[in-house]
Amino acid sequence: MRKFLGLAISLMFVVSLLSVVACAKGGGKEPLVGTWAMDGNPGKTVKISKEGQQYFYEGSQGKTPATKVDENTLQVSMGPIQVTVKLDPASNVLAVSFMGESYKYKKVQ
């Protein structure tokens, strides 16, 4: 029994260590993914999610597939309207731009 307990504790230690290493390397971290509130109007939010390799943008028009352009940019096609979603990593501000307008959002989740 004592040998089993020692083995179980060792196994838990190894799993914990691997989890810490994965988090330290940013394993699974997606800076665009989350819920974002409009700067100056926190009642208006957008949500960016990822299911497998597919990103989704969810705003007032519903949930729409998005294409990742680069590490901080998504392109969303909403019929004839093209929406660009771009994160400024320095300020952690998300800009949602379409039809000549740009709106700023801050991450809430």
C-alpha atoms as a PDB file:
ATOM      1  CA  MET A   1       0.000   0.000   0.000  1.00  0.00           C
ATOM      2  CA  ARG A   2       2.822   2.378   0.862  1.00  0.00           C
ATOM      3  CA  LYS A   3       4.457   1.708  -2.509  1.00  0.00           C
ATOM      4  CA  PHE A   4       1.188   2.447  -4.323  1.00  0.00           C
ATOM      5  CA  LEU A   5       0.741   5.728  -2.440  1.00  0.00           C
ATOM      6  CA  GLY A   6       4.293   6.812  -3.345  1.00  0.00           C
ATOM      7  CA  LEU A   7       3.666   5.974  -6.998  1.00  0.00           C
ATOM      8  CA  ALA A   8       0.368   7.908  -7.013  1.00  0.00           C
ATOM      9  CA  ILE A   9       2.003  10.988  -5.471  1.00  0.00           C
ATOM     10  CA  SER A  10       4.863  10.824  -7.990  1.00  0.00           C
ATOM     11  CA  LEU A  11       2.411  10.556 -10.868  1.00  0.00           C
ATOM     12  CA  MET A  12       0.405  13.563  -9.593  1.00  0.00           C
ATOM     13  CA  PHE A  13       3.632  15.565  -9.309  1.00  0.00           C
ATOM     14  CA  VAL A  14       4.626  14.763 -12.915  1.00  0.00           C
ATOM     15  CA  VAL A  15       1.175  15.690 -14.250  1.00  0.00           C
ATOM     16  CA  SER A  16       1.223  18.963 -12.280  1.00  0.00           C
ATOM     17  CA  LEU A  17       4.695  19.794 -13.556  1.00  0.00           C
ATOM     18  CA  LEU A  18       3.673  19.154 -17.170  1.00  0.00           C
ATOM     19  CA  SER A  19       0.611  21.396 -16.731  1.00  0.00           C
ATOM     20  CA  VAL A  20       2.745  24.232 -15.379  1.00  0.00           C
ATOM     21  CA  VAL A  21       5.200  23.900 -18.268  1.00  0.00           C
ATOM     22  CA  ALA A  22       2.372  23.936 -20.845  1.00  0.00           C
ATOM     23  CA  CYS A  23       0.852  27.067 -19.298  1.00  0.00           C
ATOM     24  CA  ALA A  24       4.225  28.809 -19.114  1.00  0.00           C
ATOM     25  CA  LYS A  25       4.731  28.225 -22.839  1.00  0.00           C
ATOM     26  CA  GLY A  26       1.306  29.737 -23.538  1.00  0.00           C
ATOM     27  CA  GLY A  27      -0.159  26.386 -24.472  1.00  0.00           C
ATOM     28  CA  GLY A  28      -3.585  26.939 -25.967  1.00  0.00           C
ATOM     29  CA  LYS A  29      -3.583  30.686 -25.381  1.00  0.00           C
ATOM     30  CA  GLU A  30      -5.595  32.554 -27.986  1.00  0.00           C
ATOM     31  CA  PRO A  31      -5.479  36.328 -27.412  1.00  0.00           C
ATOM     32  CA  LEU A  32      -8.459  37.034 -29.694  1.00  0.00           C
ATOM     33  CA  VAL A  33     -10.775  34.501 -28.054  1.00  0.00           C
ATOM     34  CA  GLY A  34     -13.089  35.892 -25.400  1.00  0.00           C
ATOM     35  CA  THR A  35     -15.854  38.363 -24.722  1.00  0.00           C
ATOM     36  CA  TRP A  36     -15.173  42.026 -25.515  1.00  0.00           C
ATOM     37  CA  ALA A  37     -17.149  45.085 -24.342  1.00  0.00           C
ATOM     38  CA  MET A  38     -17.337  48.301 -26.348  1.00  0.00           C
ATOM     39  CA  ASP A  39     -15.249  51.116 -24.917  1.00  0.00           C
ATOM     40  CA  GLY A  40     -17.706  53.721 -23.599  1.00  0.00           C
ATOM     41  CA  ASN A  41     -20.723  51.407 -23.996  1.00  0.00           C
ATOM     42  CA  PRO A  42     -20.068  48.169 -22.032  1.00  0.00           C
ATOM     43  CA  GLY A  43     -23.583  46.898 -22.754  1.00  0.00           C
ATOM     44  CA  LYS A  44     -22.515  46.214 -26.349  1.00  0.00           C
ATOM     45  CA  THR A  45     -20.340  43.137 -26.578  1.00  0.00           C
ATOM     46  CA  VAL A  46     -18.823  40.870 -29.182  1.00  0.00           C
ATOM     47  CA  LYS A  47     -17.595  37.352 -28.633  1.00  0.00           C
ATOM     48  CA  ILE A  48     -14.803  35.570 -30.453  1.00  0.00           C
ATOM     49  CA  SER A  49     -14.604  31.811 -30.108  1.00  0.00           C
ATOM     50  CA  LYS A  50     -12.673  28.964 -31.658  1.00  0.00           C
ATOM     51  CA  GLU A  51     -13.999  25.491 -32.370  1.00  0.00           C
ATOM     52  CA  GLY A  52     -11.229  23.224 -33.610  1.00  0.00           C
ATOM     53  CA  GLN A  53      -9.383  25.336 -36.189  1.00  0.00           C
ATOM     54  CA  GLN A  54     -12.413  27.530 -37.018  1.00  0.00           C
ATOM     55  CA  TYR A  55     -12.858  30.978 -35.479  1.00  0.00           C
ATOM     56  CA  PHE A  56     -16.264  32.581 -34.971  1.00  0.00           C
ATOM     57  CA  TYR A  57     -17.286  36.199 -34.471  1.00  0.00           C
ATOM     58  CA  GLU A  58     -20.537  36.799 -32.614  1.00  0.00           C
ATOM     59  CA  GLY A  59     -22.107  40.241 -32.495  1.00  0.00           C
ATOM     60  CA  SER A  60     -25.506  41.797 -33.116  1.00  0.00           C
ATOM     61  CA  GLN A  61     -25.830  39.853 -36.405  1.00  0.00           C
ATOM     62  CA  GLY A  62     -25.329  36.459 -34.764  1.00  0.00           C
ATOM     63  CA  LYS A  63     -22.473  33.959 -34.918  1.00  0.00           C
ATOM     64  CA  THR A  64     -20.436  34.096 -38.132  1.00  0.00           C
ATOM     65  CA  PRO A  65     -17.346  32.135 -39.240  1.00  0.00           C
ATOM     66  CA  ALA A  66     -14.151  34.192 -39.306  1.00  0.00           C
ATOM     67  CA  THR A  67     -10.862  33.728 -41.152  1.00  0.00           C
ATOM     68  CA  LYS A  68      -7.614  34.254 -39.288  1.00  0.00           C
ATOM     69  CA  VAL A  69      -5.437  36.663 -41.294  1.00  0.00           C
ATOM     70  CA  ASP A  70      -2.530  36.793 -38.847  1.00  0.00           C
ATOM     71  CA  GLU A  71      -1.872  36.316 -35.135  1.00  0.00           C
ATOM     72  CA  ASN A  72      -3.978  39.357 -34.191  1.00  0.00           C
ATOM     73  CA  THR A  73      -6.437  39.775 -37.072  1.00  0.00           C
ATOM     74  CA  LEU A  74      -9.658  38.103 -38.211  1.00  0.00           C
ATOM     75  CA  GLN A  75     -11.685  38.789 -41.353  1.00  0.00           C
ATOM     76  CA  VAL A  76     -15.452  38.262 -41.173  1.00  0.00           C
ATOM     77  CA  SER A  77     -17.745  38.197 -44.227  1.00  0.00           C
ATOM     78  CA  MET A  78     -21.306  39.297 -43.477  1.00  0.00           C
ATOM     79  CA  GLY A  79     -22.867  39.222 -46.896  1.00  0.00           C
ATOM     80  CA  PRO A  80     -21.480  42.184 -48.833  1.00  0.00           C
ATOM     81  CA  ILE A  81     -19.931  43.694 -45.687  1.00  0.00           C
ATOM     82  CA  GLN A  82     -16.356  42.816 -44.736  1.00  0.00           C
ATOM     83  CA  VAL A  83     -15.541  43.190 -41.044  1.00  0.00           C
ATOM     84  CA  THR A  84     -11.940  43.381 -39.852  1.00  0.00           C
ATOM     85  CA  VAL A  85     -11.262  42.437 -36.235  1.00  0.00           C
ATOM     86  CA  LYS A  86      -7.779  43.461 -35.134  1.00  0.00           C
ATOM     87  CA  LEU A  87      -6.177  43.214 -31.691  1.00  0.00           C
ATOM     88  CA  ASP A  88      -3.500  45.685 -30.631  1.00  0.00           C
ATOM     89  CA  PRO A  89      -1.424  43.489 -28.278  1.00  0.00           C
ATOM     90  CA  ALA A  90       0.305  46.501 -26.685  1.00  0.00           C
ATOM     91  CA  SER A  91      -2.949  48.029 -25.406  1.00  0.00           C
ATOM     92  CA  ASN A  92      -5.122  44.868 -25.484  1.00  0.00           C
ATOM     93  CA  VAL A  93      -7.738  46.850 -27.423  1.00  0.00           C
ATOM     94  CA  LEU A  94      -9.775  45.118 -30.113  1.00  0.00           C
ATOM     95  CA  ALA A  95     -10.771  47.241 -33.123  1.00  0.00           C
ATOM     96  CA  VAL A  96     -13.827  46.114 -35.091  1.00  0.00           C
ATOM     97  CA  SER A  97     -13.912  47.951 -38.429  1.00  0.00           C
ATOM     98  CA  PHE A  98     -16.484  47.930 -41.224  1.00  0.00           C
ATOM     99  CA  MET A  99     -18.000  50.369 -43.705  1.00  0.00           C
ATOM    100  CA  GLY A 100     -15.457  53.074 -42.844  1.00  0.00           C
ATOM    101  CA  GLU A 101     -16.175  52.954 -39.097  1.00  0.00           C
ATOM    102  CA  SER A 102     -14.044  51.503 -36.295  1.00  0.00           C
ATOM    103  CA  TYR A 103     -15.177  50.563 -32.797  1.00  0.00           C
ATOM    104  CA  LYS A 104     -12.876  49.803 -29.839  1.00  0.00           C
ATOM    105  CA  TYR A 105     -13.475  46.959 -27.388  1.00  0.00           C
ATOM    106  CA  LYS A 106     -11.814  45.833 -24.138  1.00  0.00           C
ATOM    107  CA  LYS A 107     -11.693  42.209 -23.028  1.00  0.00           C
ATOM    108  CA  VAL A 108     -14.051  41.264 -20.208  1.00  0.00           C
ATOM    109  CA  GLN A 109     -13.534  37.470 -20.277  1.00  0.00           C
END
